[in-house]
């Protein structure tokens, strides 16, 4: 008897990460259909990985579509979309998204702060970089650059 194993919510993020690593947009864009077919399209882990995949493949509009369509998000989701903007040289928008993350009641974590510091460096904005650094100190975050 042949036993068939179905992919699950842990399978697809690995496939997306592999496609992302090889910048294989064509194959990666086929994965969401399989995710839907398997009924796990609302899984936050898959959605976050999709955001990272699209961002790294320079498809920020698709990353935004996934992010905006999420029923539930977490700080990892915000970090993924913010980093996607950086990868697409849209660093000004990162600061705007940071303001939104705070307005939505999320507390930025260490990863958020590192991403923001990177954006400030890209923008050459020392003042905002100093403010981000002060927030790291005030909040007692441990940031390893």
Protein backbone atom coordinates (compact mmCIF):
# COMPACT_ATOMS: atom_id res chain seq x y z
CA UNK A 1 0.00 0.00 0.00
CA UNK A 2 1.39 3.37 -1.01
CA UNK A 3 1.06 6.06 1.63
CA UNK A 4 0.94 9.66 0.46
CA UNK A 5 2.20 12.42 2.71
CA UNK A 6 0.49 15.78 2.40
CA UNK A 7 2.44 19.00 2.87
CA UNK A 8 1.60 20.91 6.03
CA UNK A 9 2.09 24.39 7.46
CA UNK A 10 5.76 23.64 8.12
CA UNK A 11 6.49 22.48 4.58
CA UNK A 12 5.64 25.63 2.65
CA UNK A 13 7.85 28.11 4.54
CA UNK A 14 10.87 25.95 3.74
CA UNK A 15 9.92 25.88 0.07
CA UNK A 16 9.43 29.66 0.04
CA UNK A 17 12.76 30.23 1.77
CA UNK A 18 14.49 28.05 -0.83
CA UNK A 19 12.83 29.96 -3.67
CA UNK A 20 13.80 33.21 -1.99
CA UNK A 21 17.42 32.14 -1.64
CA UNK A 22 17.61 31.34 -5.34
CA UNK A 23 15.45 34.34 -6.33
CA UNK A 24 13.11 31.89 -8.03
CA UNK A 25 10.04 34.08 -8.26
CA UNK A 26 8.34 31.88 -10.83
CA UNK A 27 8.35 28.75 -8.66
CA UNK A 28 7.69 30.69 -5.48
CA UNK A 29 4.55 32.24 -6.96
CA UNK A 30 3.14 28.74 -7.48
CA UNK A 31 3.31 27.94 -3.76
CA UNK A 32 0.40 30.13 -2.55
CA UNK A 33 -2.02 28.14 -4.72
CA UNK A 34 -0.88 24.93 -3.02
CA UNK A 35 -1.20 26.63 0.36
CA UNK A 36 -4.83 27.52 -0.43
CA UNK A 37 -5.49 24.03 -1.80
CA UNK A 38 -4.29 22.56 1.51
CA UNK A 39 -6.47 24.97 3.51
CA UNK A 40 -3.66 26.62 5.44
CA UNK A 41 -3.60 30.04 3.77
CA UNK A 42 -4.50 31.81 7.02
CA UNK A 43 -1.51 30.39 8.91
CA UNK A 44 0.51 33.33 10.21
CA UNK A 45 3.85 31.53 9.85
CA UNK A 46 3.15 30.93 6.15
CA UNK A 47 1.90 34.48 5.66
CA UNK A 48 5.02 35.96 7.27
CA UNK A 49 7.21 33.79 5.07
CA UNK A 50 5.25 34.88 2.00
CA UNK A 51 5.85 38.52 2.92
CA UNK A 52 9.60 37.86 3.24
CA UNK A 53 9.62 35.89 -0.02
CA UNK A 54 7.90 38.61 -2.03
CA UNK A 55 10.02 41.32 -0.43
CA UNK A 56 13.28 39.54 -1.20
CA UNK A 57 12.15 38.92 -4.79
CA UNK A 58 11.45 42.65 -5.30
CA UNK A 59 7.67 42.15 -5.39
CA UNK A 60 6.78 44.61 -2.61
CA UNK A 61 3.22 45.07 -3.89
CA UNK A 62 2.58 41.33 -3.42
CA UNK A 63 4.21 41.49 0.02
CA UNK A 64 1.86 44.36 0.93
CA UNK A 65 -1.14 42.46 -0.41
CA UNK A 66 -0.35 39.52 1.88
CA UNK A 67 0.36 41.80 4.84
CA UNK A 68 -2.81 43.85 4.37
CA UNK A 69 -4.89 40.68 3.96
CA UNK A 70 -3.80 39.18 7.25
CA UNK A 71 -6.58 38.68 9.79
CA UNK A 72 -4.03 38.58 12.57
CA UNK A 73 -0.53 39.99 12.58
CA UNK A 74 2.30 40.10 15.05
CA UNK A 75 5.55 42.00 15.39
CA UNK A 76 7.25 39.45 13.10
CA UNK A 77 4.74 40.38 10.38
CA UNK A 78 5.60 44.06 10.77
CA UNK A 79 9.33 43.30 10.75
CA UNK A 80 8.90 41.28 7.56
CA UNK A 81 7.09 44.05 5.68
CA UNK A 82 9.44 46.76 6.96
CA UNK A 83 12.47 44.74 5.86
CA UNK A 84 10.79 44.15 2.50
CA UNK A 85 10.62 47.90 2.01
CA UNK A 86 14.33 48.19 2.80
CA UNK A 87 15.16 45.42 0.34
CA UNK A 88 13.28 47.37 -2.30
CA UNK A 89 15.12 50.63 -1.50
CA UNK A 90 11.97 52.17 -0.03
CA UNK A 91 13.63 53.21 3.23
CA UNK A 92 11.50 56.33 3.77
CA UNK A 93 8.44 54.11 4.10
CA UNK A 94 10.15 52.11 6.88
CA UNK A 95 9.97 55.06 9.25
CA UNK A 96 6.29 55.54 8.36
CA UNK A 97 5.59 51.84 9.01
CA UNK A 98 7.37 52.09 12.35
CA UNK A 99 4.93 54.84 13.35
CA UNK A 100 2.05 52.60 12.25
CA UNK A 101 3.33 49.62 14.24
CA UNK A 102 3.24 51.67 17.41
CA UNK A 103 -0.20 53.05 16.55
CA UNK A 104 -1.54 49.51 16.19
CA UNK A 105 -0.48 48.62 19.72
CA UNK A 106 2.55 46.50 18.89
CA UNK A 107 5.75 46.85 20.85
CA UNK A 108 8.80 46.86 18.57
CA UNK A 109 11.35 44.19 19.43
CA UNK A 110 15.12 43.98 18.98
CA UNK A 111 14.75 42.92 15.36
CA UNK A 112 12.54 45.92 14.62
CA UNK A 113 15.15 48.25 16.07
CA UNK A 114 17.98 46.69 14.05
CA UNK A 115 15.90 47.03 10.88
CA UNK A 116 15.19 50.68 11.72
CA UNK A 117 18.85 51.41 12.41
CA UNK A 118 19.68 49.91 9.03
CA UNK A 119 17.04 52.14 7.40
CA UNK A 120 18.45 55.22 9.17
CA UNK A 121 21.95 54.34 7.92
CA UNK A 122 20.63 53.91 4.38
CA UNK A 123 18.85 57.26 4.60
CA UNK A 124 21.82 58.95 6.26
CA UNK A 125 19.42 60.16 8.95
CA UNK A 126 21.55 60.48 12.07
CA UNK A 127 18.83 62.17 14.13
CA UNK A 128 16.31 59.35 13.70
CA UNK A 129 19.13 56.83 14.23
CA UNK A 130 19.98 58.48 17.55
CA UNK A 131 16.31 58.41 18.55
CA UNK A 132 16.06 54.68 17.69
CA UNK A 133 19.21 54.05 19.73
CA UNK A 134 17.73 55.96 22.69
CA UNK A 135 14.60 53.79 22.47
CA UNK A 136 16.75 50.66 22.57
CA UNK A 137 18.39 51.95 25.78
CA UNK A 138 15.14 53.15 27.40
CA UNK A 139 13.37 49.86 26.70
CA UNK A 140 16.36 47.81 27.86
CA UNK A 141 16.58 45.92 24.57
CA UNK A 142 19.65 43.88 23.74
CA UNK A 143 20.72 44.54 20.17
CA UNK A 144 23.64 42.64 18.70
CA UNK A 145 24.70 44.34 15.49
